[in-house]
Amino acid sequence: MEHIELFFKSIFIDNMVFATFLGMCSYLAVSKKVATAVGLGAAVIFVLAVTVPLNWLLDQYLLQPGALGWLGEEYKEFDLSFLSFIMFIATIATMVQLVEIIVEKFSPSLYNSLGIFLPLIAVNCAILGGSLFMQSREIPSLGLALTYGVGSGIGWFLAILAIAAIREKIRYSSVPPALRGLGITFIITGLMAIGFMSFGGMLTGGDEEAAPAKEVETTSEAVQKKEEKKELAKNTKTIY
């Protein structure tokens, strides 16, 4: 249940594009065609699915204060957390280089259409943000880190796929001249972000259902106390 909740939350509620607006440069530049957007989105899913669990391992067994305790008691005092950015980016750059080699080998046309934005995944803030969010939210296990990486990648993929499909259609629409290009794209992105905000209550229904029961219980206790006070006042009046 925890994996399912984290998976859907990372896709819809904490979407990298619509909730935190990370990775916007690639989102805007490579979303003119659906085919190109699908290629880059798949690459982002792969990179996030690999780098987030790898960076979780680095964080747990190397970077956190006292994480080097597995080497011996004398190493528990070491704190390498200042190396987090360097280690995370090194892992991401390695995986991006692997993706670049694979895409160039098996799909040269996609490689040429993505252009400079494929190697720029290494400095895509959505990729680094996935690892940093994993670290700041203290995800407890490797399996949950993998779920979070895959979910975040799918969320970014859905965002760029949706805007690419819309941008292909609005070419044939009568958009006002002042809003053509990035103007209408930003407006559509904002509207989609508002739409994704509606998923915010998707995983909180249980908490909202529990609240009225507690309120009823509190009200009944208050009524009971009020009756007890009345009875006590009546008995006191009778005595006097």
C-alpha atoms as a PDB file:
ATOM      1  CA  MET A   1       0.000   0.000   0.000  1.00  0.00           C
ATOM      2  CA  GLU A   2       2.856   2.357   0.827  1.00  0.00           C
ATOM      3  CA  HIS A   3       4.435   1.763  -2.594  1.00  0.00           C
ATOM      4  CA  ILE A   4       1.134   2.425  -4.405  1.00  0.00           C
ATOM      5  CA  GLU A   5       0.511   5.598  -2.431  1.00  0.00           C
ATOM      6  CA  LEU A   6       4.017   6.938  -3.085  1.00  0.00           C
ATOM      7  CA  PHE A   7       3.787   5.972  -6.777  1.00  0.00           C
ATOM      8  CA  PHE A   8       0.555   7.853  -7.451  1.00  0.00           C
ATOM      9  CA  LYS A   9       1.565  10.762  -5.234  1.00  0.00           C
ATOM     10  CA  SER A  10       4.813  11.281  -7.162  1.00  0.00           C
ATOM     11  CA  ILE A  11       2.931  11.199 -10.486  1.00  0.00           C
ATOM     12  CA  PHE A  12      -0.105  13.376  -9.783  1.00  0.00           C
ATOM     13  CA  ILE A  13       0.327  15.316  -6.533  1.00  0.00           C
ATOM     14  CA  ASP A  14       4.089  16.010  -6.471  1.00  0.00           C
ATOM     15  CA  ASN A  15       4.480  16.167 -10.248  1.00  0.00           C
ATOM     16  CA  MET A  16       7.923  17.501 -11.149  1.00  0.00           C
ATOM     17  CA  VAL A  17       6.550  19.937 -13.740  1.00  0.00           C
ATOM     18  CA  PHE A  18       3.144  20.973 -12.437  1.00  0.00           C
ATOM     19  CA  ALA A  19       3.875  21.001  -8.686  1.00  0.00           C
ATOM     20  CA  THR A  20       7.499  22.188  -8.507  1.00  0.00           C
ATOM     21  CA  PHE A  21       8.114  23.423 -12.100  1.00  0.00           C
ATOM     22  CA  LEU A  22      11.404  21.547 -12.455  1.00  0.00           C
ATOM     23  CA  GLY A  23      12.863  20.629 -15.832  1.00  0.00           C
ATOM     24  CA  MET A  24      11.035  23.422 -17.635  1.00  0.00           C
ATOM     25  CA  CYS A  25      13.799  24.132 -20.185  1.00  0.00           C
ATOM     26  CA  SER A  26      13.576  20.657 -21.733  1.00  0.00           C
ATOM     27  CA  TYR A  27       9.805  20.625 -21.200  1.00  0.00           C
ATOM     28  CA  LEU A  28       9.368  23.744 -23.320  1.00  0.00           C
ATOM     29  CA  ALA A  29      12.050  23.107 -25.931  1.00  0.00           C
ATOM     30  CA  VAL A  30      11.387  19.437 -26.812  1.00  0.00           C
ATOM     31  CA  SER A  31       7.582  19.479 -26.645  1.00  0.00           C
ATOM     32  CA  LYS A  32       6.881  20.661 -30.197  1.00  0.00           C
ATOM     33  CA  LYS A  33       6.364  17.090 -31.467  1.00  0.00           C
ATOM     34  CA  VAL A  34       4.869  14.080 -29.691  1.00  0.00           C
ATOM     35  CA  ALA A  35       7.486  11.650 -31.047  1.00  0.00           C
ATOM     36  CA  THR A  36      10.362  13.732 -29.685  1.00  0.00           C
ATOM     37  CA  ALA A  37       8.590  14.248 -26.365  1.00  0.00           C
ATOM     38  CA  VAL A  38       8.056  10.494 -25.975  1.00  0.00           C
ATOM     39  CA  GLY A  39      11.764   9.819 -26.592  1.00  0.00           C
ATOM     40  CA  LEU A  40      12.953  12.368 -24.064  1.00  0.00           C
ATOM     41  CA  GLY A  41      10.282  11.342 -21.543  1.00  0.00           C
ATOM     42  CA  ALA A  42      11.370   7.697 -21.757  1.00  0.00           C
ATOM     43  CA  ALA A  43      14.983   8.758 -21.229  1.00  0.00           C
ATOM     44  CA  VAL A  44      13.996  10.774 -18.147  1.00  0.00           C
ATOM     45  CA  ILE A  45      12.062   7.803 -16.707  1.00  0.00           C
ATOM     46  CA  PHE A  46      15.099   5.541 -17.160  1.00  0.00           C
ATOM     47  CA  VAL A  47      17.535   8.034 -15.640  1.00  0.00           C
ATOM     48  CA  LEU A  48      15.309   8.742 -12.615  1.00  0.00           C
ATOM     49  CA  ALA A  49      14.551   5.028 -12.092  1.00  0.00           C
ATOM     50  CA  VAL A  50      18.290   4.270 -11.923  1.00  0.00           C
ATOM     51  CA  THR A  51      19.778   7.355 -10.264  1.00  0.00           C
ATOM     52  CA  VAL A  52      17.306   7.777  -7.380  1.00  0.00           C
ATOM     53  CA  PRO A  53      17.936   4.256  -5.930  1.00  0.00           C
ATOM     54  CA  LEU A  54      21.695   4.571  -6.550  1.00  0.00           C
ATOM     55  CA  ASN A  55      21.801   7.942  -4.820  1.00  0.00           C
ATOM     56  CA  TRP A  56      19.722   6.469  -1.972  1.00  0.00           C
ATOM     57  CA  LEU A  57      22.442   3.862  -1.454  1.00  0.00           C
ATOM     58  CA  LEU A  58      25.126   6.548  -1.557  1.00  0.00           C
ATOM     59  CA  ASP A  59      23.204   8.643   0.945  1.00  0.00           C
ATOM     60  CA  GLN A  60      22.565   5.762   3.355  1.00  0.00           C
ATOM     61  CA  TYR A  61      25.998   4.148   3.308  1.00  0.00           C
ATOM     62  CA  LEU A  62      28.343   7.043   2.511  1.00  0.00           C
ATOM     63  CA  LEU A  63      26.985  10.578   2.851  1.00  0.00           C
ATOM     64  CA  GLN A  64      24.833  10.727   5.991  1.00  0.00           C
ATOM     65  CA  PRO A  65      26.440  11.557   9.345  1.00  0.00           C
ATOM     66  CA  GLY A  66      27.632   8.256  10.821  1.00  0.00           C
ATOM     67  CA  ALA A  67      26.881   6.359   7.603  1.00  0.00           C
ATOM     68  CA  LEU A  68      30.444   5.020   7.479  1.00  0.00           C
ATOM     69  CA  GLY A  69      29.877   3.007  10.640  1.00  0.00           C
ATOM     70  CA  TRP A  70      29.857  -0.183   8.546  1.00  0.00           C
ATOM     71  CA  LEU A  71      33.605   0.348   8.019  1.00  0.00           C
ATOM     72  CA  GLY A  72      34.297   0.417  11.751  1.00  0.00           C
ATOM     73  CA  GLU A  73      33.575   2.339  14.939  1.00  0.00           C
ATOM     74  CA  GLU A  74      36.310   4.891  14.243  1.00  0.00           C
ATOM     75  CA  TYR A  75      34.556   6.004  11.032  1.00  0.00           C
ATOM     76  CA  LYS A  76      31.201   6.875  12.651  1.00  0.00           C
ATOM     77  CA  GLU A  77      32.329  10.425  13.363  1.00  0.00           C
ATOM     78  CA  PHE A  78      32.832  11.250   9.677  1.00  0.00           C
ATOM     79  CA  ASP A  79      30.203  13.423   7.961  1.00  0.00           C
ATOM     80  CA  LEU A  80      30.390  13.496   4.153  1.00  0.00           C
ATOM     81  CA  SER A  81      27.026  15.157   3.576  1.00  0.00           C
ATOM     82  CA  PHE A  82      28.783  18.150   1.963  1.00  0.00           C
ATOM     83  CA  LEU A  83      29.569  15.844  -0.983  1.00  0.00           C
ATOM     84  CA  SER A  84      25.889  15.150  -1.735  1.00  0.00           C
ATOM     85  CA  PHE A  85      25.606  17.432  -4.760  1.00  0.00           C
ATOM     86  CA  ILE A  86      28.873  16.219  -6.292  1.00  0.00           C
ATOM     87  CA  MET A  87      28.079  12.530  -5.824  1.00  0.00           C
ATOM     88  CA  PHE A  88      24.482  12.861  -7.029  1.00  0.00           C
ATOM     89  CA  ILE A  89      25.474  14.779 -10.164  1.00  0.00           C
ATOM     90  CA  ALA A  90      28.276  12.290 -10.910  1.00  0.00           C
ATOM     91  CA  THR A  91      25.787   9.404 -10.755  1.00  0.00           C
ATOM     92  CA  ILE A  92      23.309  11.273 -12.955  1.00  0.00           C
ATOM     93  CA  ALA A  93      25.978  12.212 -15.525  1.00  0.00           C
ATOM     94  CA  THR A  94      27.087   8.582 -15.762  1.00  0.00           C
ATOM     95  CA  MET A  95      23.554   7.334 -16.425  1.00  0.00           C
ATOM     96  CA  VAL A  96      22.862  10.113 -18.948  1.00  0.00           C
ATOM     97  CA  GLN A  97      26.016   9.203 -20.839  1.00  0.00           C
ATOM     98  CA  LEU A  98      24.812   5.595 -20.960  1.00  0.00           C
ATOM     99  CA  VAL A  99      21.403   6.701 -22.283  1.00  0.00           C
ATOM    100  CA  GLU A 100      23.063   8.898 -24.898  1.00  0.00           C
ATOM    101  CA  ILE A 101      25.166   6.000 -26.179  1.00  0.00           C
ATOM    102  CA  ILE A 102      22.137   3.676 -26.361  1.00  0.00           C
ATOM    103  CA  VAL A 103      19.921   6.217 -28.161  1.00  0.00           C
ATOM    104  CA  GLU A 104      22.642   7.116 -30.649  1.00  0.00           C
ATOM    105  CA  LYS A 105      23.230   3.427 -31.373  1.00  0.00           C
ATOM    106  CA  PHE A 106      19.638   2.239 -31.796  1.00  0.00           C
ATOM    107  CA  SER A 107      17.760   5.403 -32.859  1.00  0.00           C
ATOM    108  CA  PRO A 108      19.950   7.944 -34.681  1.00  0.00           C
ATOM    109  CA  SER A 109      16.912   9.924 -35.861  1.00  0.00           C
ATOM    110  CA  LEU A 110      15.687  10.415 -32.285  1.00  0.00           C
ATOM    111  CA  TYR A 111      19.229  11.265 -31.208  1.00  0.00           C
ATOM    112  CA  ASN A 112      19.434  13.988 -33.864  1.00  0.00           C
ATOM    113  CA  SER A 113      15.968  15.364 -33.052  1.00  0.00           C
ATOM    114  CA  LEU A 114      16.728  15.619 -29.333  1.00  0.00           C
ATOM    115  CA  GLY A 115      20.000  17.379 -30.088  1.00  0.00           C
ATOM    116  CA  ILE A 116      21.707  19.102 -27.185  1.00  0.00           C
ATOM    117  CA  PHE A 117      18.815  18.397 -24.806  1.00  0.00           C
ATOM    118  CA  LEU A 118      19.710  14.710 -24.457  1.00  0.00           C
ATOM    119  CA  PRO A 119      23.115  15.294 -22.815  1.00  0.00           C
ATOM    120  CA  LEU A 120      21.576  18.217 -20.914  1.00  0.00           C
ATOM    121  CA  ILE A 121      19.502  15.693 -18.935  1.00  0.00           C
ATOM    122  CA  ALA A 122      22.618  15.508 -16.743  1.00  0.00           C
ATOM    123  CA  VAL A 123      21.949  19.061 -15.544  1.00  0.00           C
ATOM    124  CA  ASN A 124      18.145  18.819 -15.737  1.00  0.00           C
ATOM    125  CA  CYS A 125      16.889  20.108 -12.393  1.00  0.00           C
ATOM    126  CA  ALA A 126      14.058  17.538 -12.430  1.00  0.00           C
ATOM    127  CA  ILE A 127      16.621  14.706 -12.353  1.00  0.00           C
ATOM    128  CA  LEU A 128      18.658  16.229  -9.544  1.00  0.00           C
ATOM    129  CA  GLY A 129      15.454  17.272  -7.788  1.00  0.00           C
ATOM    130  CA  GLY A 130      14.313  13.641  -7.656  1.00  0.00           C
ATOM    131  CA  SER A 131      17.431  12.647  -5.705  1.00  0.00           C
ATOM    132  CA  LEU A 132      17.325  15.704  -3.445  1.00  0.00           C
ATOM    133  CA  PHE A 133      13.622  15.209  -2.661  1.00  0.00           C
ATOM    134  CA  MET A 134      14.370  11.563  -1.897  1.00  0.00           C
ATOM    135  CA  GLN A 135      17.051  12.701   0.548  1.00  0.00           C
ATOM    136  CA  SER A 136      15.037  15.506   2.186  1.00  0.00           C
ATOM    137  CA  ARG A 137      11.908  13.347   2.606  1.00  0.00           C
ATOM    138  CA  GLU A 138      14.005  10.579   4.177  1.00  0.00           C
ATOM    139  CA  ILE A 139      12.566   7.737   2.103  1.00  0.00           C
ATOM    140  CA  PRO A 140      13.200   4.702   4.328  1.00  0.00           C
ATOM    141  CA  SER A 141      13.956   1.853   1.890  1.00  0.00           C
ATOM    142  CA  LEU A 142      15.557   1.111  -1.454  1.00  0.00           C
ATOM    143  CA  GLY A 143      12.277  -0.227  -2.853  1.00  0.00           C
ATOM    144  CA  LEU A 144      10.447   3.000  -2.008  1.00  0.00           C
ATOM    145  CA  ALA A 145      13.287   5.004  -3.568  1.00  0.00           C
ATOM    146  CA  LEU A 146      12.873   3.002  -6.778  1.00  0.00           C
ATOM    147  CA  THR A 147       9.095   3.560  -6.684  1.00  0.00           C
ATOM    148  CA  TYR A 148       9.607   7.273  -6.169  1.00  0.00           C
ATOM    149  CA  GLY A 149      12.111   7.484  -9.045  1.00  0.00           C
ATOM    150  CA  VAL A 150       9.852   5.631 -11.479  1.00  0.00           C
ATOM    151  CA  GLY A 151       6.770   7.604 -10.409  1.00  0.00           C
ATOM    152  CA  SER A 152       8.551  10.953 -10.735  1.00  0.00           C
ATOM    153  CA  GLY A 153       9.797   9.979 -14.191  1.00  0.00           C
ATOM    154  CA  ILE A 154       6.329   8.936 -15.332  1.00  0.00           C
ATOM    155  CA  GLY A 155       4.904  12.196 -13.992  1.00  0.00           C
ATOM    156  CA  TRP A 156       7.414  14.217 -16.021  1.00  0.00           C
ATOM    157  CA  PHE A 157       6.741  12.004 -19.052  1.00  0.00           C
ATOM    158  CA  LEU A 158       2.979  12.598 -18.828  1.00  0.00           C
ATOM    159  CA  ALA A 159       3.530  16.340 -18.518  1.00  0.00           C
ATOM    160  CA  ILE A 160       5.715  16.678 -21.605  1.00  0.00           C
ATOM    161  CA  LEU A 161       3.512  14.252 -23.572  1.00  0.00           C
ATOM    162  CA  ALA A 162       0.384  16.247 -22.753  1.00  0.00           C
ATOM    163  CA  ILE A 163       1.868  19.614 -23.706  1.00  0.00           C
ATOM    164  CA  ALA A 164       3.361  18.160 -26.910  1.00  0.00           C
ATOM    165  CA  ALA A 165      -0.016  16.785 -27.989  1.00  0.00           C
ATOM    166  CA  ILE A 166      -1.695  20.121 -27.253  1.00  0.00           C
ATOM    167  CA  ARG A 167       0.997  22.127 -29.073  1.00  0.00           C
ATOM    168  CA  GLU A 168       0.576  19.968 -32.162  1.00  0.00           C
ATOM    169  CA  LYS A 169      -3.161  20.709 -32.175  1.00  0.00           C
ATOM    170  CA  ILE A 170      -2.998  24.455 -31.499  1.00  0.00           C
ATOM    171  CA  ARG A 171      -0.940  24.954 -34.653  1.00  0.00           C
ATOM    172  CA  TYR A 172      -4.248  24.860 -36.488  1.00  0.00           C
ATOM    173  CA  SER A 173      -6.033  27.132 -33.982  1.00  0.00           C
ATOM    174  CA  SER A 174      -6.482  30.877 -34.225  1.00  0.00           C
ATOM    175  CA  VAL A 175      -4.278  31.869 -31.308  1.00  0.00           C
ATOM    176  CA  PRO A 176      -3.905  35.648 -30.840  1.00  0.00           C
ATOM    177  CA  PRO A 177      -0.597  36.814 -32.355  1.00  0.00           C
ATOM    178  CA  ALA A 178       0.689  38.140 -29.022  1.00  0.00           C
ATOM    179  CA  LEU A 179       0.286  34.723 -27.385  1.00  0.00           C
ATOM    180  CA  ARG A 180       1.677  32.473 -30.104  1.00  0.00           C
ATOM    181  CA  GLY A 181       4.655  30.301 -29.196  1.00  0.00           C
ATOM    182  CA  LEU A 182       5.774  30.272 -25.576  1.00  0.00           C
ATOM    183  CA  GLY A 183       2.971  32.583 -24.435  1.00  0.00           C
ATOM    184  CA  ILE A 184       0.133  30.152 -25.051  1.00  0.00           C
ATOM    185  CA  THR A 185       2.384  27.287 -23.873  1.00  0.00           C
ATOM    186  CA  PHE A 186       2.865  28.924 -20.472  1.00  0.00           C
ATOM    187  CA  ILE A 187      -0.869  29.580 -20.171  1.00  0.00           C
ATOM    188  CA  ILE A 188      -1.706  25.938 -20.995  1.00  0.00           C
ATOM    189  CA  THR A 189       0.957  24.731 -18.545  1.00  0.00           C
ATOM    190  CA  GLY A 190      -0.557  26.863 -15.788  1.00  0.00           C
ATOM    191  CA  LEU A 191      -4.045  25.529 -16.507  1.00  0.00           C
ATOM    192  CA  MET A 192      -2.774  21.940 -16.450  1.00  0.00           C
ATOM    193  CA  ALA A 193      -0.982  22.652 -13.158  1.00  0.00           C
ATOM    194  CA  ILE A 194      -4.299  23.867 -11.690  1.00  0.00           C
ATOM    195  CA  GLY A 195      -5.934  20.692 -12.999  1.00  0.00           C
ATOM    196  CA  PHE A 196      -3.294  18.505 -11.345  1.00  0.00           C
ATOM    197  CA  MET A 197      -3.891  20.315  -8.051  1.00  0.00           C
ATOM    198  CA  SER A 198      -7.297  18.630  -7.971  1.00  0.00           C
ATOM    199  CA  PHE A 199      -5.500  15.339  -7.282  1.00  0.00           C
ATOM    200  CA  GLY A 200      -4.292  16.754  -3.959  1.00  0.00           C
ATOM    201  CA  GLY A 201      -7.113  15.130  -1.976  1.00  0.00           C
ATOM    202  CA  MET A 202      -6.841  11.783  -3.742  1.00  0.00           C
ATOM    203  CA  LEU A 203      -4.844  10.125  -0.949  1.00  0.00           C
ATOM    204  CA  THR A 204      -6.303  11.978   2.054  1.00  0.00           C
ATOM    205  CA  GLY A 205      -9.888  10.683   2.042  1.00  0.00           C
ATOM    206  CA  GLY A 206      -9.343   8.427   5.064  1.00  0.00           C
ATOM    207  CA  ASP A 207      -8.158  11.298   7.259  1.00  0.00           C
ATOM    208  CA  GLU A 208     -11.142  13.449   6.334  1.00  0.00           C
ATOM    209  CA  GLU A 209     -13.579  10.638   7.147  1.00  0.00           C
ATOM    210  CA  ALA A 210     -12.057  10.120  10.582  1.00  0.00           C
ATOM    211  CA  ALA A 211     -12.468  13.776  11.580  1.00  0.00           C
ATOM    212  CA  PRO A 212     -16.331  13.896  11.857  1.00  0.00           C
ATOM    213  CA  ALA A 213     -16.405  10.790  14.078  1.00  0.00           C
ATOM    214  CA  LYS A 214     -14.018  12.481  16.486  1.00  0.00           C
ATOM    215  CA  GLU A 215     -16.133  15.635  16.422  1.00  0.00           C
ATOM    216  CA  VAL A 216     -19.315  13.668  17.234  1.00  0.00           C
ATOM    217  CA  GLU A 217     -17.547  11.958  20.076  1.00  0.00           C
ATOM    218  CA  THR A 218     -16.377  15.294  21.477  1.00  0.00           C
ATOM    219  CA  THR A 219     -19.890  16.754  21.222  1.00  0.00           C
ATOM    220  CA  SER A 220     -21.440  13.803  23.055  1.00  0.00           C
ATOM    221  CA  GLU A 221     -18.844  14.113  25.819  1.00  0.00           C
ATOM    222  CA  ALA A 222     -19.635  17.839  26.151  1.00  0.00           C
ATOM    223  CA  VAL A 223     -23.381  17.129  26.424  1.00  0.00           C
ATOM    224  CA  GLN A 224     -22.721  14.486  29.074  1.00  0.00           C
ATOM    225  CA  LYS A 225     -20.566  16.880  31.108  1.00  0.00           C
ATOM    226  CA  LYS A 226     -23.247  19.563  30.830  1.00  0.00           C
ATOM    227  CA  GLU A 227     -25.898  17.168  32.173  1.00  0.00           C
ATOM    228  CA  GLU A 228     -23.595  16.201  35.043  1.00  0.00           C
ATOM    229  CA  LYS A 229     -23.137  19.868  35.966  1.00  0.00           C
ATOM    230  CA  LYS A 230     -26.908  20.434  35.925  1.00  0.00           C
ATOM    231  CA  GLU A 231     -27.462  17.400  38.173  1.00  0.00           C
ATOM    232  CA  LEU A 232     -24.752  18.583  40.545  1.00  0.00           C
ATOM    233  CA  ALA A 233     -26.253  22.086  40.726  1.00  0.00           C
ATOM    234  CA  LYS A 234     -29.735  20.598  41.385  1.00  0.00           C
ATOM    235  CA  ASN A 235     -28.442  18.413  44.215  1.00  0.00           C
ATOM    236  CA  THR A 236     -26.562  21.362  45.730  1.00  0.00           C
ATOM    237  CA  LYS A 237     -29.712  23.518  45.620  1.00  0.00           C
ATOM    238  CA  THR A 238     -31.724  20.747  47.335  1.00  0.00           C
ATOM    239  CA  ILE A 239     -29.185  20.486  50.141  1.00  0.00           C
ATOM    240  CA  TYR A 240     -29.302  24.204  50.819  1.00  0.00           C
END
